[in-house]
Amino acid sequence: MKKSEIPDISIVIPVINEEDNLSRLIPYLKTVAESPEKIELIVVDGGSTDRSVEIATSLGAVVENSPQGRAFQLNKGARLAKGDMLYFLHADSFPPQAFDRLIRKANSQKSEAGCFRLEFDSSSRFLGIFAWFSRFNFLLCRGGDQSLFITKNLFNSLGGFDESYRVYEDNEFIG
C-alpha cells in the first residue's frame, strides 16, 4: 500500500445495537468529510443483536468484535487503526462539516488531542444544560469519547482507556 493510500484519520465507533444510528452516521461521515478517501472507519461491536454489524459492513466500515464495554471497544479499534490520528466517535454523534480538515489543522498546529463541542438534537432541557456546560473545562462537566481525537502516539503513550471502567472511561482518560 502506498503512503498516499494509507488513511491518516481512523474513526473508531463502539456499538451495541446501533443499526439506526449507523445507517445515518456512516453515509453522513462520507458526505461531510473533505477527504473521505483518507479516512478509515472502524466499527467495534460489543455483541449487538440487531443488524449493526451487517449495516456497518455494507456501508464499507471495517467491523471487529470485542468484549462489551466502551473502553474495551475503543482500545481494540485503536489497536487496529492504520491512521496516525484516532477519532473516537459515538454512533449517535455527528461531527461538523469538514471535521477531518479541522482535525488535520489542529494536528498541524501541534495539538495532539481535542474534541468538538457537544450539541444535542433534542428538546430535552437536561441535555441543553449539559451541552452549555460542556463549553467549559470543569472537572464536573467532562465528557469526551463521543467525539475525541488524539494522535495514535499520544494515545499509546497514555496506555489507552482504562478497561476497569464500565462507564466514564472518557472522564478518566481526559481527567
C-alpha atoms as a PDB file:
ATOM      1  CA  MET A   1       0.000   0.000   0.000  1.00  0.00           C
ATOM      2  CA  LYS A   2       1.365   3.399  -0.987  1.00  0.00           C
ATOM      3  CA  LYS A   3       1.741   6.102   1.673  1.00  0.00           C
ATOM      4  CA  SER A   4      -0.917   8.169  -0.140  1.00  0.00           C
ATOM      5  CA  GLU A   5      -3.377   5.258   0.212  1.00  0.00           C
ATOM      6  CA  ILE A   6      -2.961   4.890   3.976  1.00  0.00           C
ATOM      7  CA  PRO A   7      -5.680   6.715   5.907  1.00  0.00           C
ATOM      8  CA  ASP A   8      -4.443   9.482   8.172  1.00  0.00           C
ATOM      9  CA  ILE A   9      -7.564   9.513  10.379  1.00  0.00           C
ATOM     10  CA  SER A  10      -9.043   6.333  11.814  1.00  0.00           C
ATOM     11  CA  ILE A  11     -12.570   6.784  13.139  1.00  0.00           C
ATOM     12  CA  VAL A  12     -13.365   4.267  15.877  1.00  0.00           C
ATOM     13  CA  ILE A  13     -17.065   3.781  16.622  1.00  0.00           C
ATOM     14  CA  PRO A  14     -18.041   1.495  19.541  1.00  0.00           C
ATOM     15  CA  VAL A  15     -21.502  -0.014  19.103  1.00  0.00           C
ATOM     16  CA  ILE A  16     -24.099  -2.196  20.715  1.00  0.00           C
ATOM     17  CA  ASN A  17     -27.396  -2.312  18.821  1.00  0.00           C
ATOM     18  CA  GLU A  18     -26.889   0.902  16.861  1.00  0.00           C
ATOM     19  CA  GLU A  19     -28.354  -0.107  13.484  1.00  0.00           C
ATOM     20  CA  ASP A  20     -30.474   3.040  13.121  1.00  0.00           C
ATOM     21  CA  ASN A  21     -27.646   5.394  14.052  1.00  0.00           C
ATOM     22  CA  LEU A  22     -25.043   3.611  11.903  1.00  0.00           C
ATOM     23  CA  SER A  23     -27.307   3.726   8.851  1.00  0.00           C
ATOM     24  CA  ARG A  24     -27.294   7.533   9.175  1.00  0.00           C
ATOM     25  CA  LEU A  25     -23.816   8.180  10.607  1.00  0.00           C
ATOM     26  CA  ILE A  26     -21.599   6.326   8.127  1.00  0.00           C
ATOM     27  CA  PRO A  27     -23.089   7.971   4.995  1.00  0.00           C
ATOM     28  CA  TYR A  28     -23.018  11.320   6.826  1.00  0.00           C
ATOM     29  CA  LEU A  29     -19.296  10.964   7.613  1.00  0.00           C
ATOM     30  CA  LYS A  30     -18.525  10.176   3.982  1.00  0.00           C
ATOM     31  CA  THR A  31     -20.560  13.175   2.847  1.00  0.00           C
ATOM     32  CA  VAL A  32     -19.215  15.849   5.197  1.00  0.00           C
ATOM     33  CA  ALA A  33     -15.560  14.770   5.169  1.00  0.00           C
ATOM     34  CA  GLU A  34     -13.389  16.869   2.854  1.00  0.00           C
ATOM     35  CA  SER A  35     -11.150  13.883   2.078  1.00  0.00           C
ATOM     36  CA  PRO A  36     -13.194  10.717   2.700  1.00  0.00           C
ATOM     37  CA  GLU A  37     -10.558   8.629   0.916  1.00  0.00           C
ATOM     38  CA  LYS A  38      -8.111   9.461   3.733  1.00  0.00           C
ATOM     39  CA  ILE A  39     -10.449   8.200   6.448  1.00  0.00           C
ATOM     40  CA  GLU A  40     -10.717   4.704   7.851  1.00  0.00           C
ATOM     41  CA  LEU A  41     -13.990   3.677   9.521  1.00  0.00           C
ATOM     42  CA  ILE A  42     -13.679   1.047  12.250  1.00  0.00           C
ATOM     43  CA  VAL A  43     -16.855  -0.161  13.962  1.00  0.00           C
ATOM     44  CA  VAL A  44     -16.175  -2.242  17.069  1.00  0.00           C
ATOM     45  CA  ASP A  45     -19.204  -4.282  18.065  1.00  0.00           C
ATOM     46  CA  GLY A  46     -19.764  -5.293  21.667  1.00  0.00           C
ATOM     47  CA  GLY A  47     -22.336  -8.008  20.982  1.00  0.00           C
ATOM     48  CA  SER A  48     -25.172  -6.442  19.009  1.00  0.00           C
ATOM     49  CA  THR A  49     -28.307  -8.491  18.446  1.00  0.00           C
ATOM     50  CA  ASP A  50     -29.669  -6.185  15.740  1.00  0.00           C
ATOM     51  CA  ARG A  51     -28.308  -5.518  12.233  1.00  0.00           C
ATOM     52  CA  SER A  52     -25.479  -3.177  13.329  1.00  0.00           C
ATOM     53  CA  VAL A  53     -22.696  -5.421  12.006  1.00  0.00           C
ATOM     54  CA  GLU A  54     -24.477  -6.082   8.709  1.00  0.00           C
ATOM     55  CA  ILE A  55     -25.205  -2.391   8.137  1.00  0.00           C
ATOM     56  CA  ALA A  56     -21.692  -1.213   9.028  1.00  0.00           C
ATOM     57  CA  THR A  57     -20.141  -3.836   6.747  1.00  0.00           C
ATOM     58  CA  SER A  58     -22.468  -2.986   3.852  1.00  0.00           C
ATOM     59  CA  LEU A  59     -21.546   0.702   4.207  1.00  0.00           C
ATOM     60  CA  GLY A  60     -17.818  -0.031   3.926  1.00  0.00           C
ATOM     61  CA  ALA A  61     -16.669   0.029   7.544  1.00  0.00           C
ATOM     62  CA  VAL A  62     -14.137  -2.395   8.961  1.00  0.00           C
ATOM     63  CA  VAL A  63     -16.066  -4.329  11.615  1.00  0.00           C
ATOM     64  CA  GLU A  64     -14.491  -6.116  14.567  1.00  0.00           C
ATOM     65  CA  ASN A  65     -15.949  -7.827  17.617  1.00  0.00           C
ATOM     66  CA  SER A  66     -14.911  -7.035  21.164  1.00  0.00           C
ATOM     67  CA  PRO A  67     -15.971  -7.747  24.709  1.00  0.00           C
ATOM     68  CA  GLN A  68     -18.785  -5.404  25.718  1.00  0.00           C
ATOM     69  CA  GLY A  69     -17.653  -2.126  27.263  1.00  0.00           C
ATOM     70  CA  ARG A  70     -16.614   1.078  25.548  1.00  0.00           C
ATOM     71  CA  ALA A  71     -13.061   1.023  26.926  1.00  0.00           C
ATOM     72  CA  PHE A  72     -12.512  -2.485  25.503  1.00  0.00           C
ATOM     73  CA  GLN A  73     -14.093  -1.498  22.202  1.00  0.00           C
ATOM     74  CA  LEU A  74     -12.230   1.792  21.829  1.00  0.00           C
ATOM     75  CA  ASN A  75      -8.882   0.204  22.684  1.00  0.00           C
ATOM     76  CA  LYS A  76      -9.444  -2.602  20.182  1.00  0.00           C
ATOM     77  CA  GLY A  77     -10.287  -0.096  17.462  1.00  0.00           C
ATOM     78  CA  ALA A  78      -7.171   1.919  18.299  1.00  0.00           C
ATOM     79  CA  ARG A  79      -5.005  -1.210  18.004  1.00  0.00           C
ATOM     80  CA  LEU A  80      -6.449  -1.939  14.553  1.00  0.00           C
ATOM     81  CA  ALA A  81      -6.208   1.652  13.302  1.00  0.00           C
ATOM     82  CA  LYS A  82      -3.901   2.466  10.409  1.00  0.00           C
ATOM     83  CA  GLY A  83      -4.168   6.247  10.776  1.00  0.00           C
ATOM     84  CA  ASP A  84      -1.804   8.455  12.759  1.00  0.00           C
ATOM     85  CA  MET A  85      -4.820  10.251  14.244  1.00  0.00           C
ATOM     86  CA  LEU A  86      -7.542   8.405  16.149  1.00  0.00           C
ATOM     87  CA  TYR A  87     -11.041   9.862  16.211  1.00  0.00           C
ATOM     88  CA  PHE A  88     -13.327   8.200  18.763  1.00  0.00           C
ATOM     89  CA  LEU A  89     -16.959   8.784  17.886  1.00  0.00           C
ATOM     90  CA  HIS A  90     -20.247   7.521  19.287  1.00  0.00           C
ATOM     91  CA  ALA A  91     -22.773   6.221  16.769  1.00  0.00           C
ATOM     92  CA  ASP A  92     -25.225   8.964  17.729  1.00  0.00           C
ATOM     93  CA  SER A  93     -22.683  11.796  17.400  1.00  0.00           C
ATOM     94  CA  PHE A  94     -22.417  13.765  14.179  1.00  0.00           C
ATOM     95  CA  PRO A  95     -19.295  15.922  13.780  1.00  0.00           C
ATOM     96  CA  PRO A  96     -19.309  19.266  11.954  1.00  0.00           C
ATOM     97  CA  GLN A  97     -18.860  19.763   8.223  1.00  0.00           C
ATOM     98  CA  ALA A  98     -15.225  19.166   7.163  1.00  0.00           C
ATOM     99  CA  PHE A  99     -14.404  17.616  10.551  1.00  0.00           C
ATOM    100  CA  ASP A 100     -11.417  15.855   9.010  1.00  0.00           C
ATOM    101  CA  ARG A 101      -9.898  19.160   7.848  1.00  0.00           C
ATOM    102  CA  LEU A 102     -10.429  20.604  11.331  1.00  0.00           C
ATOM    103  CA  ILE A 103      -8.688  17.607  12.917  1.00  0.00           C
ATOM    104  CA  ARG A 104      -5.777  17.824  10.470  1.00  0.00           C
ATOM    105  CA  LYS A 105      -5.481  21.566  11.067  1.00  0.00           C
ATOM    106  CA  ALA A 106      -5.396  21.108  14.852  1.00  0.00           C
ATOM    107  CA  ASN A 107      -2.749  18.421  14.463  1.00  0.00           C
ATOM    108  CA  SER A 108      -0.651  20.589  12.121  1.00  0.00           C
ATOM    109  CA  GLN A 109      -0.714  23.297  14.802  1.00  0.00           C
ATOM    110  CA  LYS A 110       0.807  20.807  17.269  1.00  0.00           C
ATOM    111  CA  SER A 111      -2.466  19.954  19.035  1.00  0.00           C
ATOM    112  CA  GLU A 112      -2.181  16.266  19.806  1.00  0.00           C
ATOM    113  CA  ALA A 113      -5.745  15.931  21.084  1.00  0.00           C
ATOM    114  CA  GLY A 114      -9.072  17.709  21.018  1.00  0.00           C
ATOM    115  CA  CYS A 115     -12.807  17.350  20.688  1.00  0.00           C
ATOM    116  CA  PHE A 116     -15.807  19.043  19.166  1.00  0.00           C
ATOM    117  CA  ARG A 117     -18.245  20.861  21.422  1.00  0.00           C
ATOM    118  CA  LEU A 118     -21.446  18.979  22.173  1.00  0.00           C
ATOM    119  CA  GLU A 119     -24.730  19.909  20.586  1.00  0.00           C
ATOM    120  CA  PHE A 120     -27.853  17.834  21.044  1.00  0.00           C
ATOM    121  CA  ASP A 121     -30.645  17.303  18.558  1.00  0.00           C
ATOM    122  CA  SER A 122     -33.198  17.142  21.312  1.00  0.00           C
ATOM    123  CA  SER A 123     -35.680  19.353  23.064  1.00  0.00           C
ATOM    124  CA  SER A 124     -34.579  17.918  26.416  1.00  0.00           C
ATOM    125  CA  ARG A 125     -33.867  20.725  28.852  1.00  0.00           C
ATOM    126  CA  PHE A 126     -31.362  18.494  30.709  1.00  0.00           C
ATOM    127  CA  LEU A 127     -29.342  17.870  27.542  1.00  0.00           C
ATOM    128  CA  GLY A 128     -29.430  21.575  26.700  1.00  0.00           C
ATOM    129  CA  ILE A 129     -27.942  22.422  30.091  1.00  0.00           C
ATOM    130  CA  PHE A 130     -25.320  19.683  29.710  1.00  0.00           C
ATOM    131  CA  ALA A 131     -24.349  20.989  26.258  1.00  0.00           C
ATOM    132  CA  TRP A 132     -23.989  24.523  27.633  1.00  0.00           C
ATOM    133  CA  PHE A 133     -21.714  23.358  30.461  1.00  0.00           C
ATOM    134  CA  SER A 134     -19.575  21.356  28.024  1.00  0.00           C
ATOM    135  CA  ARG A 135     -18.179  24.706  26.817  1.00  0.00           C
ATOM    136  CA  PHE A 136     -16.113  24.938  29.972  1.00  0.00           C
ATOM    137  CA  ASN A 137     -13.236  22.830  31.231  1.00  0.00           C
ATOM    138  CA  PHE A 138     -14.720  21.927  34.592  1.00  0.00           C
ATOM    139  CA  LEU A 139     -13.991  18.579  36.185  1.00  0.00           C
ATOM    140  CA  LEU A 140     -17.730  18.099  36.772  1.00  0.00           C
ATOM    141  CA  CYS A 141     -18.678  18.796  33.153  1.00  0.00           C
ATOM    142  CA  ARG A 142     -16.343  16.489  31.332  1.00  0.00           C
ATOM    143  CA  GLY A 143     -17.055  14.121  28.535  1.00  0.00           C
ATOM    144  CA  GLY A 144     -15.068  13.257  25.533  1.00  0.00           C
ATOM    145  CA  ASP A 145     -15.160   9.912  23.826  1.00  0.00           C
ATOM    146  CA  GLN A 146     -18.364  10.763  21.980  1.00  0.00           C
ATOM    147  CA  SER A 147     -16.143  12.956  19.765  1.00  0.00           C
ATOM    148  CA  LEU A 148     -12.492  12.836  20.851  1.00  0.00           C
ATOM    149  CA  PHE A 149      -9.481  12.961  18.546  1.00  0.00           C
ATOM    150  CA  ILE A 150      -5.926  12.173  19.617  1.00  0.00           C
ATOM    151  CA  THR A 151      -2.691  11.185  17.926  1.00  0.00           C
ATOM    152  CA  LYS A 152      -2.076   7.471  17.987  1.00  0.00           C
ATOM    153  CA  ASN A 153       1.352   8.063  19.545  1.00  0.00           C
ATOM    154  CA  LEU A 154      -0.074  10.059  22.451  1.00  0.00           C
ATOM    155  CA  PHE A 155      -2.925   7.589  22.944  1.00  0.00           C
ATOM    156  CA  ASN A 156      -0.481   4.686  23.096  1.00  0.00           C
ATOM    157  CA  SER A 157       1.891   6.544  25.420  1.00  0.00           C
ATOM    158  CA  LEU A 158      -1.023   7.114  27.827  1.00  0.00           C
ATOM    159  CA  GLY A 159      -1.908   3.420  27.774  1.00  0.00           C
ATOM    160  CA  GLY A 160      -5.328   3.785  26.153  1.00  0.00           C
ATOM    161  CA  PHE A 161      -8.632   3.742  28.002  1.00  0.00           C
ATOM    162  CA  ASP A 162      -8.715   2.080  31.427  1.00  0.00           C
ATOM    163  CA  GLU A 163     -10.668  -1.130  30.852  1.00  0.00           C
ATOM    164  CA  SER A 164     -11.631  -1.419  34.520  1.00  0.00           C
ATOM    165  CA  TYR A 165     -14.166   1.393  33.890  1.00  0.00           C
ATOM    166  CA  ARG A 166     -17.545   0.224  32.579  1.00  0.00           C
ATOM    167  CA  VAL A 167     -18.636   3.841  32.008  1.00  0.00           C
ATOM    168  CA  TYR A 168     -16.908   7.217  32.246  1.00  0.00           C
ATOM    169  CA  GLU A 169     -13.727   5.817  30.731  1.00  0.00           C
ATOM    170  CA  ASP A 170     -13.510   9.081  28.801  1.00  0.00           C
ATOM    171  CA  ASN A 171     -13.599  11.160  32.001  1.00  0.00           C
ATOM    172  CA  GLU A 172     -10.782   9.114  33.489  1.00  0.00           C
ATOM    173  CA  PHE A 173      -8.797   9.354  30.253  1.00  0.00           C
ATOM    174  CA  ILE A 174      -9.043  13.123  29.786  1.00  0.00           C
ATOM    175  CA  GLY A 175      -9.036  13.947  33.508  1.00  0.00           C
END
